């Protein structure tokens, strides 16, 4: 298979681990909702829940379902989402960017430093994932994403975990 970056189109290893666990509770019904709001004004979702409530598992589930870096049809086949009519329409069809803010914050001193590092790492992932794309400006993450989009015509799903640590 293709080698996918750590932040762009990650694999489904984290969600597979959750599904394998004895205590896994199927919350894939949430995907029916996210599928419904894709491409609408309601597409920006903030999932704020108490500590230890499964926010990271939700991010891992969204990654496993939407990421082009995965082939998760089997993984989801027995779960609630597989019964939905649009199950295949969105399965592993998007360029997913998955960021854990805590991770970046712990590797840097200031907010500016953190944002620079975040941009740099994501741009590097895009360059590795799409070596055939000519980037206008590697220092500008927004421009890099525009260049990727004009090449792939594939929308992005951006998942930010631990956003509240900022």
C-alpha atoms as a PDB file:
ATOM      1  CA  UNK A   1       0.000   0.000   0.000  1.00  0.00           C
ATOM      2  CA  UNK A   2       0.861   3.661  -0.204  1.00  0.00           C
ATOM      3  CA  UNK A   3       2.745   5.300   2.621  1.00  0.00           C
ATOM      4  CA  UNK A   4       0.554   7.974   4.116  1.00  0.00           C
ATOM      5  CA  UNK A   5       1.690  10.832   6.287  1.00  0.00           C
ATOM      6  CA  UNK A   6       1.184  11.168   9.991  1.00  0.00           C
ATOM      7  CA  UNK A   7      -1.242  14.067   9.574  1.00  0.00           C
ATOM      8  CA  UNK A   8      -2.498  13.780   5.988  1.00  0.00           C
ATOM      9  CA  UNK A   9      -4.635  10.705   5.241  1.00  0.00           C
ATOM     10  CA  UNK A  10      -3.646   8.751   8.352  1.00  0.00           C
ATOM     11  CA  UNK A  11      -4.397   5.044   8.615  1.00  0.00           C
ATOM     12  CA  UNK A  12      -7.083   3.369  10.749  1.00  0.00           C
ATOM     13  CA  UNK A  13      -4.793   1.720  13.322  1.00  0.00           C
ATOM     14  CA  UNK A  14      -6.114   3.745  16.284  1.00  0.00           C
ATOM     15  CA  UNK A  15      -9.770   3.005  15.519  1.00  0.00           C
ATOM     16  CA  UNK A  16      -9.007  -0.657  14.802  1.00  0.00           C
ATOM     17  CA  UNK A  17      -7.516  -0.841  18.292  1.00  0.00           C
ATOM     18  CA  UNK A  18     -10.722   0.649  19.765  1.00  0.00           C
ATOM     19  CA  UNK A  19     -12.976  -1.742  17.801  1.00  0.00           C
ATOM     20  CA  UNK A  20     -10.875  -4.709  18.976  1.00  0.00           C
ATOM     21  CA  UNK A  21     -11.405  -3.706  22.622  1.00  0.00           C
ATOM     22  CA  UNK A  22     -13.874  -5.552  24.815  1.00  0.00           C
ATOM     23  CA  UNK A  23     -15.422  -2.289  25.949  1.00  0.00           C
ATOM     24  CA  UNK A  24     -16.001  -0.842  22.440  1.00  0.00           C
ATOM     25  CA  UNK A  25     -19.402   0.816  22.061  1.00  0.00           C
ATOM     26  CA  UNK A  26     -20.610   1.376  18.494  1.00  0.00           C
ATOM     27  CA  UNK A  27     -21.043   5.108  17.969  1.00  0.00           C
ATOM     28  CA  UNK A  28     -20.808   4.961  14.170  1.00  0.00           C
ATOM     29  CA  UNK A  29     -24.357   6.354  14.004  1.00  0.00           C
ATOM     30  CA  UNK A  30     -22.634   9.740  14.353  1.00  0.00           C
ATOM     31  CA  UNK A  31     -21.241   9.197  10.843  1.00  0.00           C
ATOM     32  CA  UNK A  32     -24.783   9.269   9.440  1.00  0.00           C
ATOM     33  CA  UNK A  33     -25.060  12.809  10.816  1.00  0.00           C
ATOM     34  CA  UNK A  34     -21.620  13.940   9.589  1.00  0.00           C
ATOM     35  CA  UNK A  35     -22.379  12.511   6.124  1.00  0.00           C
ATOM     36  CA  UNK A  36     -25.624  14.492   6.083  1.00  0.00           C
ATOM     37  CA  UNK A  37     -23.923  17.815   6.859  1.00  0.00           C
ATOM     38  CA  UNK A  38     -20.941  17.421   4.484  1.00  0.00           C
ATOM     39  CA  UNK A  39     -21.073  20.193   1.903  1.00  0.00           C
ATOM     40  CA  UNK A  40     -23.621  22.241   3.887  1.00  0.00           C
ATOM     41  CA  UNK A  41     -23.382  25.294   6.151  1.00  0.00           C
ATOM     42  CA  UNK A  42     -23.640  22.916   9.139  1.00  0.00           C
ATOM     43  CA  UNK A  43     -20.409  21.107   8.191  1.00  0.00           C
ATOM     44  CA  UNK A  44     -18.335  22.684  10.966  1.00  0.00           C
ATOM     45  CA  UNK A  45     -18.819  20.525  14.044  1.00  0.00           C
ATOM     46  CA  UNK A  46     -17.453  21.080  17.525  1.00  0.00           C
ATOM     47  CA  UNK A  47     -17.781  18.015  19.722  1.00  0.00           C
ATOM     48  CA  UNK A  48     -17.207  19.238  23.258  1.00  0.00           C
ATOM     49  CA  UNK A  49     -17.744  16.562  25.874  1.00  0.00           C
ATOM     50  CA  UNK A  50     -16.401  16.016  29.400  1.00  0.00           C
ATOM     51  CA  UNK A  51     -13.009  14.387  29.995  1.00  0.00           C
ATOM     52  CA  UNK A  52     -12.755  10.641  29.257  1.00  0.00           C
ATOM     53  CA  UNK A  53     -15.907  10.801  27.134  1.00  0.00           C
ATOM     54  CA  UNK A  54     -14.501   9.322  23.933  1.00  0.00           C
ATOM     55  CA  UNK A  55     -13.656  12.435  21.906  1.00  0.00           C
ATOM     56  CA  UNK A  56     -10.360  10.984  20.662  1.00  0.00           C
ATOM     57  CA  UNK A  57     -12.030   7.681  19.755  1.00  0.00           C
ATOM     58  CA  UNK A  58     -14.569   9.727  17.781  1.00  0.00           C
ATOM     59  CA  UNK A  59     -11.732  11.475  15.922  1.00  0.00           C
ATOM     60  CA  UNK A  60     -10.158   8.061  15.233  1.00  0.00           C
ATOM     61  CA  UNK A  61     -13.523   6.774  13.943  1.00  0.00           C
ATOM     62  CA  UNK A  62     -13.965   9.786  11.640  1.00  0.00           C
ATOM     63  CA  UNK A  63     -10.404   9.275  10.369  1.00  0.00           C
ATOM     64  CA  UNK A  64     -10.949   5.564   9.698  1.00  0.00           C
ATOM     65  CA  UNK A  65     -14.202   6.272   7.851  1.00  0.00           C
ATOM     66  CA  UNK A  66     -13.272   9.290   5.720  1.00  0.00           C
ATOM     67  CA  UNK A  67      -9.502   8.968   5.116  1.00  0.00           C
ATOM     68  CA  UNK A  68      -8.234   8.012   1.660  1.00  0.00           C
ATOM     69  CA  UNK A  69      -5.312   6.482   3.571  1.00  0.00           C
ATOM     70  CA  UNK A  70      -7.577   3.660   4.764  1.00  0.00           C
ATOM     71  CA  UNK A  71      -9.457   0.709   3.386  1.00  0.00           C
ATOM     72  CA  UNK A  72     -11.956   0.163   6.170  1.00  0.00           C
ATOM     73  CA  UNK A  73     -15.001  -1.387   4.517  1.00  0.00           C
ATOM     74  CA  UNK A  74     -14.490  -4.621   6.508  1.00  0.00           C
ATOM     75  CA  UNK A  75     -13.890  -2.748   9.759  1.00  0.00           C
ATOM     76  CA  UNK A  76     -17.221  -0.900   9.509  1.00  0.00           C
ATOM     77  CA  UNK A  77     -19.235  -3.725   7.914  1.00  0.00           C
ATOM     78  CA  UNK A  78     -20.847  -5.015  11.130  1.00  0.00           C
ATOM     79  CA  UNK A  79     -21.355  -1.572  12.645  1.00  0.00           C
ATOM     80  CA  UNK A  80     -24.390   0.720  12.625  1.00  0.00           C
ATOM     81  CA  UNK A  81     -23.123   3.002   9.808  1.00  0.00           C
ATOM     82  CA  UNK A  82     -22.954   0.071   7.373  1.00  0.00           C
ATOM     83  CA  UNK A  83     -26.773  -0.076   7.364  1.00  0.00           C
ATOM     84  CA  UNK A  84     -27.032   3.498   6.041  1.00  0.00           C
ATOM     85  CA  UNK A  85     -27.810   4.096   2.387  1.00  0.00           C
ATOM     86  CA  UNK A  86     -24.872   6.500   1.928  1.00  0.00           C
ATOM     87  CA  UNK A  87     -22.346   4.176   3.663  1.00  0.00           C
ATOM     88  CA  UNK A  88     -20.176   3.706   0.542  1.00  0.00           C
ATOM     89  CA  UNK A  89     -20.645   7.227  -0.802  1.00  0.00           C
ATOM     90  CA  UNK A  90     -18.219   8.728   1.728  1.00  0.00           C
ATOM     91  CA  UNK A  91     -16.160   5.717   2.847  1.00  0.00           C
ATOM     92  CA  UNK A  92     -12.405   6.414   2.431  1.00  0.00           C
ATOM     93  CA  UNK A  93     -13.070   9.173  -0.111  1.00  0.00           C
ATOM     94  CA  UNK A  94     -11.494  12.286   1.443  1.00  0.00           C
ATOM     95  CA  UNK A  95      -8.145  13.891   2.081  1.00  0.00           C
ATOM     96  CA  UNK A  96      -8.156  13.886   5.860  1.00  0.00           C
ATOM     97  CA  UNK A  97      -5.954  16.157   7.943  1.00  0.00           C
ATOM     98  CA  UNK A  98      -5.803  14.927  11.547  1.00  0.00           C
ATOM     99  CA  UNK A  99      -4.154  17.132  14.133  1.00  0.00           C
ATOM    100  CA  UNK A 100      -3.723  16.635  17.863  1.00  0.00           C
ATOM    101  CA  UNK A 101      -3.076  20.117  19.284  1.00  0.00           C
ATOM    102  CA  UNK A 102      -1.685  18.750  22.557  1.00  0.00           C
ATOM    103  CA  UNK A 103       1.034  16.960  20.598  1.00  0.00           C
ATOM    104  CA  UNK A 104       2.130  20.148  18.818  1.00  0.00           C
ATOM    105  CA  UNK A 105       1.885  22.278  21.944  1.00  0.00           C
ATOM    106  CA  UNK A 106       4.099  19.874  23.906  1.00  0.00           C
ATOM    107  CA  UNK A 107       6.780  20.067  21.186  1.00  0.00           C
ATOM    108  CA  UNK A 108       6.998  23.854  21.162  1.00  0.00           C
ATOM    109  CA  UNK A 109       7.492  26.805  23.460  1.00  0.00           C
ATOM    110  CA  UNK A 110       5.212  29.507  22.091  1.00  0.00           C
ATOM    111  CA  UNK A 111       1.966  29.627  20.142  1.00  0.00           C
ATOM    112  CA  UNK A 112       3.809  31.110  17.121  1.00  0.00           C
ATOM    113  CA  UNK A 113       6.382  28.304  17.238  1.00  0.00           C
ATOM    114  CA  UNK A 114       3.607  25.726  17.491  1.00  0.00           C
ATOM    115  CA  UNK A 115       1.725  27.111  14.479  1.00  0.00           C
ATOM    116  CA  UNK A 116       4.919  27.226  12.382  1.00  0.00           C
ATOM    117  CA  UNK A 117       5.696  23.613  13.270  1.00  0.00           C
ATOM    118  CA  UNK A 118       2.131  22.522  12.527  1.00  0.00           C
ATOM    119  CA  UNK A 119       2.183  24.203   9.097  1.00  0.00           C
ATOM    120  CA  UNK A 120       5.615  22.774   8.280  1.00  0.00           C
ATOM    121  CA  UNK A 121       4.679  19.195   9.219  1.00  0.00           C
ATOM    122  CA  UNK A 122       1.397  19.241   7.305  1.00  0.00           C
ATOM    123  CA  UNK A 123       3.041  20.740   4.208  1.00  0.00           C
ATOM    124  CA  UNK A 124       5.736  18.014   4.346  1.00  0.00           C
ATOM    125  CA  UNK A 125       3.005  15.372   4.520  1.00  0.00           C
ATOM    126  CA  UNK A 126       1.266  16.895   1.486  1.00  0.00           C
ATOM    127  CA  UNK A 127       4.550  16.929  -0.449  1.00  0.00           C
ATOM    128  CA  UNK A 128       5.085  13.227   0.356  1.00  0.00           C
ATOM    129  CA  UNK A 129       1.463  12.264  -0.364  1.00  0.00           C
ATOM    130  CA  UNK A 130       1.252  14.245  -3.626  1.00  0.00           C
ATOM    131  CA  UNK A 131       4.771  14.376  -5.154  1.00  0.00           C
ATOM    132  CA  UNK A 132       3.168  15.056  -8.562  1.00  0.00           C
ATOM    133  CA  UNK A 133       1.625  18.375  -7.430  1.00  0.00           C
ATOM    134  CA  UNK A 134       3.573  21.556  -8.153  1.00  0.00           C
ATOM    135  CA  UNK A 135       3.235  23.784  -5.105  1.00  0.00           C
ATOM    136  CA  UNK A 136       3.160  27.542  -5.632  1.00  0.00           C
ATOM    137  CA  UNK A 137       4.366  28.342  -2.116  1.00  0.00           C
ATOM    138  CA  UNK A 138       5.453  25.647   0.350  1.00  0.00           C
ATOM    139  CA  UNK A 139       5.510  28.180   3.200  1.00  0.00           C
ATOM    140  CA  UNK A 140       1.783  28.836   2.851  1.00  0.00           C
ATOM    141  CA  UNK A 141      -0.395  25.941   4.102  1.00  0.00           C
ATOM    142  CA  UNK A 142      -3.599  27.420   2.659  1.00  0.00           C
ATOM    143  CA  UNK A 143      -1.970  27.706  -0.787  1.00  0.00           C
ATOM    144  CA  UNK A 144      -0.609  24.144  -0.509  1.00  0.00           C
ATOM    145  CA  UNK A 145      -4.143  22.911   0.252  1.00  0.00           C
ATOM    146  CA  UNK A 146      -5.517  24.909  -2.700  1.00  0.00           C
ATOM    147  CA  UNK A 147      -2.853  23.352  -4.966  1.00  0.00           C
ATOM    148  CA  UNK A 148      -3.724  19.847  -3.741  1.00  0.00           C
ATOM    149  CA  UNK A 149      -7.435  20.530  -4.180  1.00  0.00           C
ATOM    150  CA  UNK A 150      -7.040  21.865  -7.715  1.00  0.00           C
ATOM    151  CA  UNK A 151      -5.105  18.674  -8.550  1.00  0.00           C
ATOM    152  CA  UNK A 152      -7.395  16.141  -6.807  1.00  0.00           C
ATOM    153  CA  UNK A 153     -10.762  17.966  -6.771  1.00  0.00           C
ATOM    154  CA  UNK A 154     -11.219  16.111  -3.493  1.00  0.00           C
ATOM    155  CA  UNK A 155     -12.559  17.992  -0.461  1.00  0.00           C
ATOM    156  CA  UNK A 156     -10.734  17.930   2.870  1.00  0.00           C
ATOM    157  CA  UNK A 157     -11.989  16.599   6.168  1.00  0.00           C
ATOM    158  CA  UNK A 158     -10.058  18.375   8.922  1.00  0.00           C
ATOM    159  CA  UNK A 159     -10.094  16.775  12.366  1.00  0.00           C
ATOM    160  CA  UNK A 160      -8.634  18.631  15.329  1.00  0.00           C
ATOM    161  CA  UNK A 161      -8.263  16.738  18.603  1.00  0.00           C
ATOM    162  CA  UNK A 162      -7.411  18.395  21.937  1.00  0.00           C
ATOM    163  CA  UNK A 163      -8.321  21.793  20.438  1.00  0.00           C
ATOM    164  CA  UNK A 164      -9.280  23.049  23.898  1.00  0.00           C
ATOM    165  CA  UNK A 165      -5.704  22.804  25.243  1.00  0.00           C
ATOM    166  CA  UNK A 166      -4.997  26.091  23.460  1.00  0.00           C
END
